[in-house]
Amino acid sequence: MNAALIHDKLFIKTFWEQKIVSHVQLTENEEQRMKNSALSKLRDEWLIRLESRTKHLKNFRDAQAVKLTSAKQTDKE
């Protein structure tokens, strides 16, 4: 083989290997950044708050409905 072709193949191979290494590093950095982000923790806290609020509102509405039905029954008697 020609020395120039071997040099070109080696250059292309190292070029793409460097691209792959740099891409892997960027991906790892992004994953680490996302892992350290407080956004997921905040999202989980808000979900818990919303679930709790929904639960309390449902219990309140159910209690109000029971009071109304019992008041209607006592009025009928």
PDB file of N, CA and C in Angstrom:
ATOM      1  N   MET A   1       0.824  -1.193   0.000  1.00  0.00           N
ATOM      2  CA  MET A   1       0.000   0.000   0.000  1.00  0.00           C
ATOM      3  C   MET A   1       0.867   1.254   0.000  1.00  0.00           C
ATOM      4  N   ASN A   2       0.301   2.252  -0.490  1.00  0.00           N
ATOM      5  CA  ASN A   2       0.973   3.536  -0.568  1.00  0.00           C
ATOM      6  C   ASN A   2       1.037   4.151   0.830  1.00  0.00           C
ATOM      7  N   ALA A   3       2.125   4.783   1.173  1.00  0.00           N
ATOM      8  CA  ALA A   3       2.304   5.403   2.488  1.00  0.00           C
ATOM      9  C   ALA A   3       1.284   6.514   2.713  1.00  0.00           C
ATOM     10  N   ALA A   4       0.913   7.208   1.660  1.00  0.00           N
ATOM     11  CA  ALA A   4      -0.078   8.287   1.784  1.00  0.00           C
ATOM     12  C   ALA A   4      -1.448   7.721   2.132  1.00  0.00           C
ATOM     13  N   LEU A   5      -1.803   6.575   1.541  1.00  0.00           N
ATOM     14  CA  LEU A   5      -3.090   5.947   1.858  1.00  0.00           C
ATOM     15  C   LEU A   5      -3.128   5.464   3.299  1.00  0.00           C
ATOM     16  N   ILE A   6      -2.042   4.872   3.748  1.00  0.00           N
ATOM     17  CA  ILE A   6      -1.971   4.403   5.137  1.00  0.00           C
ATOM     18  C   ILE A   6      -2.093   5.591   6.081  1.00  0.00           C
ATOM     19  N   HIS A   7      -1.400   6.670   5.758  1.00  0.00           N
ATOM     20  CA  HIS A   7      -1.475   7.875   6.586  1.00  0.00           C
ATOM     21  C   HIS A   7      -2.906   8.424   6.606  1.00  0.00           C
ATOM     22  N   ASP A   8      -3.570   8.460   5.454  1.00  0.00           N
ATOM     23  CA  ASP A   8      -4.947   8.949   5.384  1.00  0.00           C
ATOM     24  C   ASP A   8      -5.891   8.072   6.196  1.00  0.00           C
ATOM     25  N   LYS A   9      -5.717   6.750   6.096  1.00  0.00           N
ATOM     26  CA  LYS A   9      -6.573   5.840   6.871  1.00  0.00           C
ATOM     27  C   LYS A   9      -6.364   6.052   8.363  1.00  0.00           C
ATOM     28  N   LEU A  10      -5.117   6.188   8.765  1.00  0.00           N
ATOM     29  CA  LEU A  10      -4.815   6.416  10.175  1.00  0.00           C
ATOM     30  C   LEU A  10      -5.400   7.747  10.639  1.00  0.00           C
ATOM     31  N   PHE A  11      -5.274   8.773   9.798  1.00  0.00           N
ATOM     32  CA  PHE A  11      -5.825  10.089  10.138  1.00  0.00           C
ATOM     33  C   PHE A  11      -7.340  10.019  10.306  1.00  0.00           C
ATOM     34  N   ILE A  12      -8.012   9.357   9.373  1.00  0.00           N
ATOM     35  CA  ILE A  12      -9.477   9.237   9.440  1.00  0.00           C
ATOM     36  C   ILE A  12      -9.890   8.443  10.673  1.00  0.00           C
ATOM     37  N   LYS A  13      -9.161   7.365  10.950  1.00  0.00           N
ATOM     38  CA  LYS A  13      -9.483   6.533  12.119  1.00  0.00           C
ATOM     39  C   LYS A  13      -9.331   7.338  13.410  1.00  0.00           C
ATOM     40  N   THR A  14      -8.218   8.038  13.566  1.00  0.00           N
ATOM     41  CA  THR A  14      -8.017   8.820  14.791  1.00  0.00           C
ATOM     42  C   THR A  14      -9.009   9.973  14.881  1.00  0.00           C
ATOM     43  N   PHE A  15      -9.345  10.566  13.742  1.00  0.00           N
ATOM     44  CA  PHE A  15     -10.335  11.646  13.737  1.00  0.00           C
ATOM     45  C   PHE A  15     -11.659  11.158  14.314  1.00  0.00           C
ATOM     46  N   TRP A  16     -12.159  10.023  13.823  1.00  0.00           N
ATOM     47  CA  TRP A  16     -13.451   9.523  14.292  1.00  0.00           C
ATOM     48  C   TRP A  16     -13.371   8.986  15.717  1.00  0.00           C
ATOM     49  N   GLU A  17     -12.240   8.426  16.103  1.00  0.00           N
ATOM     50  CA  GLU A  17     -12.086   7.984  17.491  1.00  0.00           C
ATOM     51  C   GLU A  17     -12.149   9.174  18.440  1.00  0.00           C
ATOM     52  N   GLN A  18     -11.520  10.281  18.054  1.00  0.00           N
ATOM     53  CA  GLN A  18     -11.578  11.487  18.876  1.00  0.00           C
ATOM     54  C   GLN A  18     -13.001  12.034  18.945  1.00  0.00           C
ATOM     55  N   LYS A  19     -13.708  11.992  17.820  1.00  0.00           N
ATOM     56  CA  LYS A  19     -15.105  12.442  17.813  1.00  0.00           C
ATOM     57  C   LYS A  19     -15.943  11.589  18.766  1.00  0.00           C
ATOM     58  N   ILE A  20     -15.745  10.284  18.733  1.00  0.00           N
ATOM     59  CA  ILE A  20     -16.509   9.375  19.593  1.00  0.00           C
ATOM     60  C   ILE A  20     -16.192   9.638  21.056  1.00  0.00           C
ATOM     61  N   VAL A  21     -14.918   9.793  21.381  1.00  0.00           N
ATOM     62  CA  VAL A  21     -14.522  10.063  22.767  1.00  0.00           C
ATOM     63  C   VAL A  21     -15.132  11.373  23.238  1.00  0.00           C
ATOM     64  N   SER A  22     -15.085  12.386  22.404  1.00  0.00           N
ATOM     65  CA  SER A  22     -15.651  13.678  22.797  1.00  0.00           C
ATOM     66  C   SER A  22     -17.164  13.588  22.972  1.00  0.00           C
ATOM     67  N   HIS A  23     -17.828  12.841  22.118  1.00  0.00           N
ATOM     68  CA  HIS A  23     -19.283  12.662  22.237  1.00  0.00           C
ATOM     69  C   HIS A  23     -19.629  11.912  23.524  1.00  0.00           C
ATOM     70  N   VAL A  24     -18.871  10.881  23.844  1.00  0.00           N
ATOM     71  CA  VAL A  24     -19.106  10.118  25.075  1.00  0.00           C
ATOM     72  C   VAL A  24     -18.925  11.028  26.289  1.00  0.00           C
ATOM     73  N   GLN A  25     -17.892  11.848  26.279  1.00  0.00           N
ATOM     74  CA  GLN A  25     -17.658  12.767  27.393  1.00  0.00           C
ATOM     75  C   GLN A  25     -18.801  13.766  27.535  1.00  0.00           C
ATOM     76  N   LEU A  26     -19.265  14.312  26.426  1.00  0.00           N
ATOM     77  CA  LEU A  26     -20.388  15.252  26.477  1.00  0.00           C
ATOM     78  C   LEU A  26     -21.643  14.575  27.023  1.00  0.00           C
ATOM     79  N   THR A  27     -21.889  13.349  26.587  1.00  0.00           N
ATOM     80  CA  THR A  27     -23.058  12.614  27.059  1.00  0.00           C
ATOM     81  C   THR A  27     -22.962  12.350  28.557  1.00  0.00           C
ATOM     82  N   GLU A  28     -21.787  11.934  29.012  1.00  0.00           N
ATOM     83  CA  GLU A  28     -21.600  11.679  30.442  1.00  0.00           C
ATOM     84  C   GLU A  28     -21.758  12.958  31.255  1.00  0.00           C
ATOM     85  N   ASN A  29     -21.219  14.057  30.754  1.00  0.00           N
ATOM     86  CA  ASN A  29     -21.360  15.337  31.456  1.00  0.00           C
ATOM     87  C   ASN A  29     -22.824  15.750  31.553  1.00  0.00           C
ATOM     88  N   GLU A  30     -23.566  15.557  30.482  1.00  0.00           N
ATOM     89  CA  GLU A  30     -24.987  15.914  30.477  1.00  0.00           C
ATOM     90  C   GLU A  30     -25.770  15.034  31.451  1.00  0.00           C
ATOM     91  N   GLU A  31     -25.454  13.745  31.478  1.00  0.00           N
ATOM     92  CA  GLU A  31     -26.124  12.846  32.419  1.00  0.00           C
ATOM     93  C   GLU A  31     -25.818  13.247  33.856  1.00  0.00           C
ATOM     94  N   GLN A  32     -24.576  13.600  34.128  1.00  0.00           N
ATOM     95  CA  GLN A  32     -24.190  14.023  35.472  1.00  0.00           C
ATOM     96  C   GLN A  32     -24.899  15.324  35.845  1.00  0.00           C
ATOM     97  N   ARG A  33     -24.988  16.231  34.900  1.00  0.00           N
ATOM     98  CA  ARG A  33     -25.679  17.503  35.159  1.00  0.00           C
ATOM     99  C   ARG A  33     -27.143  17.263  35.486  1.00  0.00           C
ATOM    100  N   MET A  34     -27.782  16.391  34.719  1.00  0.00           N
ATOM    101  CA  MET A  34     -29.190  16.087  34.965  1.00  0.00           C
ATOM    102  C   MET A  34     -29.374  15.388  36.308  1.00  0.00           C
ATOM    103  N   LYS A  35     -28.427  14.534  36.666  1.00  0.00           N
ATOM    104  CA  LYS A  35     -28.517  13.817  37.936  1.00  0.00           C
ATOM    105  C   LYS A  35     -28.393  14.781  39.112  1.00  0.00           C
ATOM    106  N   ASN A  36     -27.535  15.782  38.963  1.00  0.00           N
ATOM    107  CA  ASN A  36     -27.319  16.757  40.031  1.00  0.00           C
ATOM    108  C   ASN A  36     -28.367  17.861  40.039  1.00  0.00           C
ATOM    109  N   SER A  37     -29.190  17.913  39.033  1.00  0.00           N
ATOM    110  CA  SER A  37     -30.188  18.967  38.928  1.00  0.00           C
ATOM    111  C   SER A  37     -31.242  18.824  40.025  1.00  0.00           C
ATOM    112  N   ALA A  38     -31.688  19.931  40.528  1.00  0.00           N
ATOM    113  CA  ALA A  38     -32.718  19.924  41.561  1.00  0.00           C
ATOM    114  C   ALA A  38     -34.114  19.822  40.958  1.00  0.00           C
ATOM    115  N   LEU A  39     -34.203  19.895  39.652  1.00  0.00           N
ATOM    116  CA  LEU A  39     -35.505  19.899  38.998  1.00  0.00           C
ATOM    117  C   LEU A  39     -36.301  18.629  39.267  1.00  0.00           C
ATOM    118  N   SER A  40     -35.665  17.482  39.181  1.00  0.00           N
ATOM    119  CA  SER A  40     -36.398  16.232  39.415  1.00  0.00           C
ATOM    120  C   SER A  40     -36.866  16.148  40.866  1.00  0.00           C
ATOM    121  N   LYS A  41     -36.044  16.605  41.800  1.00  0.00           N
ATOM    122  CA  LYS A  41     -36.441  16.600  43.210  1.00  0.00           C
ATOM    123  C   LYS A  41     -37.634  17.537  43.425  1.00  0.00           C
ATOM    124  N   LEU A  42     -37.585  18.715  42.826  1.00  0.00           N
ATOM    125  CA  LEU A  42     -38.700  19.656  42.949  1.00  0.00           C
ATOM    126  C   LEU A  42     -39.972  19.088  42.332  1.00  0.00           C
ATOM    127  N   ARG A  43     -39.834  18.441  41.183  1.00  0.00           N
ATOM    128  CA  ARG A  43     -40.986  17.848  40.517  1.00  0.00           C
ATOM    129  C   ARG A  43     -41.621  16.781  41.410  1.00  0.00           C
ATOM    130  N   ASP A  44     -40.794  15.951  42.044  1.00  0.00           N
ATOM    131  CA  ASP A  44     -41.315  14.923  42.943  1.00  0.00           C
ATOM    132  C   ASP A  44     -42.022  15.544  44.147  1.00  0.00           C
ATOM    133  N   GLU A  45     -41.438  16.600  44.704  1.00  0.00           N
ATOM    134  CA  GLU A  45     -42.068  17.268  45.848  1.00  0.00           C
ATOM    135  C   GLU A  45     -43.421  17.857  45.456  1.00  0.00           C
ATOM    136  N   TRP A  46     -43.502  18.470  44.286  1.00  0.00           N
ATOM    137  CA  TRP A  46     -44.768  19.054  43.842  1.00  0.00           C
ATOM    138  C   TRP A  46     -45.810  17.981  43.574  1.00  0.00           C
ATOM    139  N   LEU A  47     -45.385  16.852  43.047  1.00  0.00           N
ATOM    140  CA  LEU A  47     -46.333  15.758  42.834  1.00  0.00           C
ATOM    141  C   LEU A  47     -46.911  15.280  44.159  1.00  0.00           C
ATOM    142  N   ILE A  48     -46.065  15.173  45.171  1.00  0.00           N
ATOM    143  CA  ILE A  48     -46.537  14.759  46.494  1.00  0.00           C
ATOM    144  C   ILE A  48     -47.511  15.790  47.046  1.00  0.00           C
ATOM    145  N   ARG A  49     -47.179  17.068  46.898  1.00  0.00           N
ATOM    146  CA  ARG A  49     -48.078  18.122  47.378  1.00  0.00           C
ATOM    147  C   ARG A  49     -49.426  18.085  46.660  1.00  0.00           C
ATOM    148  N   LEU A  50     -49.389  17.924  45.349  1.00  0.00           N
ATOM    149  CA  LEU A  50     -50.637  17.884  44.584  1.00  0.00           C
ATOM    150  C   LEU A  50     -51.480  16.667  44.946  1.00  0.00           C
ATOM    151  N   GLU A  51     -50.831  15.524  45.125  1.00  0.00           N
ATOM    152  CA  GLU A  51     -51.572  14.326  45.519  1.00  0.00           C
ATOM    153  C   GLU A  51     -52.217  14.520  46.883  1.00  0.00           C
ATOM    154  N   SER A  52     -51.471  15.116  47.799  1.00  0.00           N
ATOM    155  CA  SER A  52     -52.002  15.368  49.138  1.00  0.00           C
ATOM    156  C   SER A  52     -53.181  16.333  49.075  1.00  0.00           C
ATOM    157  N   ARG A  53     -53.041  17.386  48.292  1.00  0.00           N
ATOM    158  CA  ARG A  53     -54.117  18.376  48.161  1.00  0.00           C
ATOM    159  C   ARG A  53     -55.366  17.744  47.553  1.00  0.00           C
ATOM    160  N   THR A  54     -55.175  16.959  46.517  1.00  0.00           N
ATOM    161  CA  THR A  54     -56.301  16.292  45.867  1.00  0.00           C
ATOM    162  C   THR A  54     -57.004  15.357  46.842  1.00  0.00           C
ATOM    163  N   LYS A  55     -56.215  14.637  47.621  1.00  0.00           N
ATOM    164  CA  LYS A  55     -56.775  13.710  48.609  1.00  0.00           C
ATOM    165  C   LYS A  55     -57.594  14.464  49.661  1.00  0.00           C
ATOM    166  N   HIS A  56     -57.055  15.567  50.159  1.00  0.00           N
ATOM    167  CA  HIS A  56     -57.768  16.349  51.169  1.00  0.00           C
ATOM    168  C   HIS A  56     -59.052  16.960  50.600  1.00  0.00           C
ATOM    169  N   LEU A  57     -58.986  17.474  49.379  1.00  0.00           N
ATOM    170  CA  LEU A  57     -60.189  18.039  48.758  1.00  0.00           C
ATOM    171  C   LEU A  57     -61.261  16.977  48.548  1.00  0.00           C
ATOM    172  N   LYS A  58     -60.853  15.789  48.148  1.00  0.00           N
ATOM    173  CA  LYS A  58     -61.812  14.709  47.948  1.00  0.00           C
ATOM    174  C   LYS A  58     -62.457  14.334  49.281  1.00  0.00           C
ATOM    175  N   ASN A  59     -61.643  14.213  50.330  1.00  0.00           N
ATOM    176  CA  ASN A  59     -62.190  13.891  51.650  1.00  0.00           C
ATOM    177  C   ASN A  59     -63.145  14.980  52.128  1.00  0.00           C
ATOM    178  N   PHE A  60     -62.790  16.241  51.882  1.00  0.00           N
ATOM    179  CA  PHE A  60     -63.644  17.348  52.289  1.00  0.00           C
ATOM    180  C   PHE A  60     -64.983  17.299  51.551  1.00  0.00           C
ATOM    181  N   ARG A  61     -64.924  17.075  50.236  1.00  0.00           N
ATOM    182  CA  ARG A  61     -66.162  16.996  49.446  1.00  0.00           C
ATOM    183  C   ARG A  61     -67.019  15.811  49.877  1.00  0.00           C
ATOM    184  N   ASP A  62     -66.380  14.691  50.157  1.00  0.00           N
ATOM    185  CA  ASP A  62     -67.129  13.523  50.619  1.00  0.00           C
ATOM    186  C   ASP A  62     -67.803  13.807  51.962  1.00  0.00           C
ATOM    187  N   ALA A  63     -67.087  14.482  52.855  1.00  0.00           N
ATOM    188  CA  ALA A  63     -67.656  14.820  54.159  1.00  0.00           C
ATOM    189  C   ALA A  63     -68.830  15.785  53.993  1.00  0.00           C
ATOM    190  N   GLN A  64     -68.690  16.755  53.090  1.00  0.00           N
ATOM    191  CA  GLN A  64     -69.783  17.690  52.841  1.00  0.00           C
ATOM    192  C   GLN A  64     -71.000  16.970  52.263  1.00  0.00           C
ATOM    193  N   ALA A  65     -70.771  16.022  51.383  1.00  0.00           N
ATOM    194  CA  ALA A  65     -71.872  15.263  50.788  1.00  0.00           C
ATOM    195  C   ALA A  65     -72.586  14.443  51.852  1.00  0.00           C
ATOM    196  N   VAL A  66     -71.837  13.857  52.771  1.00  0.00           N
ATOM    197  CA  VAL A  66     -72.449  13.076  53.854  1.00  0.00           C
ATOM    198  C   VAL A  66     -73.275  13.989  54.746  1.00  0.00           C
ATOM    199  N   LYS A  67     -72.761  15.165  55.059  1.00  0.00           N
ATOM    200  CA  LYS A  67     -73.505  16.111  55.892  1.00  0.00           C
ATOM    201  C   LYS A  67     -74.804  16.530  55.212  1.00  0.00           C
ATOM    202  N   LEU A  68     -74.737  16.804  53.911  1.00  0.00           N
ATOM    203  CA  LEU A  68     -75.935  17.218  53.179  1.00  0.00           C
ATOM    204  C   LEU A  68     -76.977  16.108  53.150  1.00  0.00           C
ATOM    205  N   THR A  69     -76.547  14.899  52.899  1.00  0.00           N
ATOM    206  CA  THR A  69     -77.516  13.794  52.841  1.00  0.00           C
ATOM    207  C   THR A  69     -78.112  13.523  54.212  1.00  0.00           C
ATOM    208  N   SER A  70     -77.299  13.623  55.263  1.00  0.00           N
ATOM    209  CA  SER A  70     -77.848  13.393  56.604  1.00  0.00           C
ATOM    210  C   SER A  70     -78.789  14.534  57.002  1.00  0.00           C
ATOM    211  N   ALA A  71     -78.483  15.762  56.590  1.00  0.00           N
ATOM    212  CA  ALA A  71     -79.357  16.895  56.890  1.00  0.00           C
ATOM    213  C   ALA A  71     -80.677  16.756  56.141  1.00  0.00           C
ATOM    214  N   LYS A  72     -80.638  16.287  54.907  1.00  0.00           N
ATOM    215  CA  LYS A  72     -81.865  16.086  54.138  1.00  0.00           C
ATOM    216  C   LYS A  72     -82.717  14.983  54.751  1.00  0.00           C
ATOM    217  N   GLN A  73     -82.062  13.958  55.261  1.00  0.00           N
ATOM    218  CA  GLN A  73     -82.808  12.856  55.870  1.00  0.00           C
ATOM    219  C   GLN A  73     -83.476  13.298  57.171  1.00  0.00           C
ATOM    220  N   THR A  74     -82.793  14.128  57.963  1.00  0.00           N
ATOM    221  CA  THR A  74     -83.392  14.601  59.212  1.00  0.00           C
ATOM    222  C   THR A  74     -84.529  15.577  58.937  1.00  0.00           C
ATOM    223  N   ASP A  75     -84.428  16.339  57.845  1.00  0.00           N
ATOM    224  CA  ASP A  75     -85.506  17.255  57.477  1.00  0.00           C
ATOM    225  C   ASP A  75     -86.755  16.488  57.065  1.00  0.00           C
ATOM    226  N   LYS A  76     -86.579  15.362  56.427  1.00  0.00           N
ATOM    227  CA  LYS A  76     -87.714  14.564  55.973  1.00  0.00           C
ATOM    228  C   LYS A  76     -88.439  13.920  57.149  1.00  0.00           C
ATOM    229  N   GLU A  77     -87.701  13.625  58.190  1.00  0.00           N
ATOM    230  CA  GLU A  77     -88.314  12.930  59.336  1.00  0.00           C
ATOM    231  C   GLU A  77     -89.055  13.844  60.220  1.00  0.00           C
TER     232      GLU A  77
END
